[in-house]
Amino acid sequence: MLFIIRWFITDMSAEKIISQEVNDLPPLTPEKSEEVSSSGRVDINILLNRARKVKEKETLTNLVFVGLTLSLIFVIGLILSF
């Protein structure tokens, strides 16, 4: 029992938890992005690709939601038919 209490106190200390959270934070200074060229302009193709990726992700999310909804309706229909 004493071993468990000692382990809990040493492994669950707030210092460890805080230090792990700090390491997971992004840096405060933004790094040079590939979107901005040396002249300070933004490449439109990179922005369009990012917009396409977001759109694809939203479409996939919507398809999963519709599939789950239809599956739920089908299962409820099967249950009610008996």
C-alpha atoms as a PDB file:
ATOM      1  CA  MET A   1       0.000   0.000   0.000  1.00  0.00           C
ATOM      2  CA  LEU A   2       2.838   2.362   0.867  1.00  0.00           C
ATOM      3  CA  PHE A   3       4.413   1.659  -2.524  1.00  0.00           C
ATOM      4  CA  ILE A   4       1.222   2.714  -4.331  1.00  0.00           C
ATOM      5  CA  ILE A   5       0.951   5.947  -2.356  1.00  0.00           C
ATOM      6  CA  ARG A   6       4.612   6.774  -2.970  1.00  0.00           C
ATOM      7  CA  TRP A   7       4.219   6.035  -6.695  1.00  0.00           C
ATOM      8  CA  PHE A   8       1.110   8.197  -6.897  1.00  0.00           C
ATOM      9  CA  ILE A   9       2.802  11.142  -5.194  1.00  0.00           C
ATOM     10  CA  THR A  10       5.978  11.014  -7.312  1.00  0.00           C
ATOM     11  CA  ASP A  11       4.410  10.234 -10.686  1.00  0.00           C
ATOM     12  CA  MET A  12       1.363  12.456 -10.428  1.00  0.00           C
ATOM     13  CA  SER A  13       3.102  15.618  -9.279  1.00  0.00           C
ATOM     14  CA  ALA A  14       1.923  18.928 -10.708  1.00  0.00           C
ATOM     15  CA  GLU A  15       5.449  19.825 -11.816  1.00  0.00           C
ATOM     16  CA  LYS A  16       5.565  16.916 -14.251  1.00  0.00           C
ATOM     17  CA  ILE A  17       2.109  17.670 -15.606  1.00  0.00           C
ATOM     18  CA  ILE A  18       2.895  21.358 -16.110  1.00  0.00           C
ATOM     19  CA  SER A  19       6.233  20.647 -17.782  1.00  0.00           C
ATOM     20  CA  GLN A  20       4.572  18.223 -20.193  1.00  0.00           C
ATOM     21  CA  GLU A  21       1.871  20.771 -21.048  1.00  0.00           C
ATOM     22  CA  VAL A  22       4.476  23.475 -21.684  1.00  0.00           C
ATOM     23  CA  ASN A  23       6.377  21.213 -24.058  1.00  0.00           C
ATOM     24  CA  ASP A  24       3.216  20.618 -26.108  1.00  0.00           C
ATOM     25  CA  LEU A  25       2.584  24.330 -26.716  1.00  0.00           C
ATOM     26  CA  PRO A  26       3.490  25.844 -30.098  1.00  0.00           C
ATOM     27  CA  PRO A  27       6.377  28.314 -30.231  1.00  0.00           C
ATOM     28  CA  LEU A  28       5.555  31.963 -29.556  1.00  0.00           C
ATOM     29  CA  THR A  29       7.363  33.272 -32.627  1.00  0.00           C
ATOM     30  CA  PRO A  30       5.834  32.200 -35.937  1.00  0.00           C
ATOM     31  CA  GLU A  31       8.145  30.304 -38.213  1.00  0.00           C
ATOM     32  CA  LYS A  32       8.637  31.318 -41.831  1.00  0.00           C
ATOM     33  CA  SER A  33       5.758  29.829 -43.763  1.00  0.00           C
ATOM     34  CA  GLU A  34       6.009  28.342 -47.224  1.00  0.00           C
ATOM     35  CA  GLU A  35       2.971  30.427 -48.220  1.00  0.00           C
ATOM     36  CA  VAL A  36       4.896  33.705 -48.144  1.00  0.00           C
ATOM     37  CA  SER A  37       7.598  34.188 -50.709  1.00  0.00           C
ATOM     38  CA  SER A  38      10.627  36.384 -50.213  1.00  0.00           C
ATOM     39  CA  SER A  39       8.753  39.331 -51.705  1.00  0.00           C
ATOM     40  CA  GLY A  40       6.042  39.022 -49.040  1.00  0.00           C
ATOM     41  CA  ARG A  41       3.373  37.759 -51.426  1.00  0.00           C
ATOM     42  CA  VAL A  42       1.151  34.765 -50.820  1.00  0.00           C
ATOM     43  CA  ASP A  43       0.959  31.961 -53.390  1.00  0.00           C
ATOM     44  CA  ILE A  44      -2.669  31.531 -54.439  1.00  0.00           C
ATOM     45  CA  ASN A  45      -2.152  27.868 -55.337  1.00  0.00           C
ATOM     46  CA  ILE A  46      -1.173  27.023 -51.763  1.00  0.00           C
ATOM     47  CA  LEU A  47      -4.284  28.785 -50.466  1.00  0.00           C
ATOM     48  CA  LEU A  48      -6.494  26.974 -52.981  1.00  0.00           C
ATOM     49  CA  ASN A  49      -4.982  23.608 -52.017  1.00  0.00           C
ATOM     50  CA  ARG A  50      -5.639  24.335 -48.349  1.00  0.00           C
ATOM     51  CA  ALA A  51      -9.247  25.293 -49.139  1.00  0.00           C
ATOM     52  CA  ARG A  52      -9.696  22.044 -51.110  1.00  0.00           C
ATOM     53  CA  LYS A  53      -8.367  19.980 -48.210  1.00  0.00           C
ATOM     54  CA  VAL A  54     -10.783  21.661 -45.800  1.00  0.00           C
ATOM     55  CA  LYS A  55     -13.664  21.087 -48.212  1.00  0.00           C
ATOM     56  CA  GLU A  56     -12.738  17.385 -48.600  1.00  0.00           C
ATOM     57  CA  LYS A  57     -12.604  16.972 -44.832  1.00  0.00           C
ATOM     58  CA  GLU A  58     -16.028  18.602 -44.424  1.00  0.00           C
ATOM     59  CA  THR A  59     -17.458  16.391 -47.189  1.00  0.00           C
ATOM     60  CA  LEU A  60     -16.091  13.265 -45.531  1.00  0.00           C
ATOM     61  CA  THR A  61     -17.514  14.339 -42.176  1.00  0.00           C
ATOM     62  CA  ASN A  62     -20.913  14.950 -43.749  1.00  0.00           C
ATOM     63  CA  LEU A  63     -20.886  11.550 -45.486  1.00  0.00           C
ATOM     64  CA  VAL A  64     -20.060   9.785 -42.226  1.00  0.00           C
ATOM     65  CA  PHE A  65     -22.848  11.667 -40.445  1.00  0.00           C
ATOM     66  CA  VAL A  66     -25.401  10.797 -43.156  1.00  0.00           C
ATOM     67  CA  GLY A  67     -24.264   7.162 -43.136  1.00  0.00           C
ATOM     68  CA  LEU A  68     -24.640   6.894 -39.378  1.00  0.00           C
ATOM     69  CA  THR A  69     -28.058   8.542 -39.519  1.00  0.00           C
ATOM     70  CA  LEU A  70     -29.286   6.163 -42.226  1.00  0.00           C
ATOM     71  CA  SER A  71     -27.902   3.191 -40.302  1.00  0.00           C
ATOM     72  CA  LEU A  72     -29.733   4.320 -37.180  1.00  0.00           C
ATOM     73  CA  ILE A  73     -32.998   4.682 -39.095  1.00  0.00           C
ATOM     74  CA  PHE A  74     -32.520   1.231 -40.615  1.00  0.00           C
ATOM     75  CA  VAL A  75     -31.838  -0.393 -37.245  1.00  0.00           C
ATOM     76  CA  ILE A  76     -34.818   1.333 -35.631  1.00  0.00           C
ATOM     77  CA  GLY A  77     -36.983   0.172 -38.558  1.00  0.00           C
ATOM     78  CA  LEU A  78     -35.809  -3.414 -38.067  1.00  0.00           C
ATOM     79  CA  ILE A  79     -36.515  -3.280 -34.343  1.00  0.00           C
ATOM     80  CA  LEU A  80     -39.986  -1.801 -34.841  1.00  0.00           C
ATOM     81  CA  SER A  81     -40.904  -4.330 -37.552  1.00  0.00           C
ATOM     82  CA  PHE A  82     -40.715  -7.282 -35.131  1.00  0.00           C
END
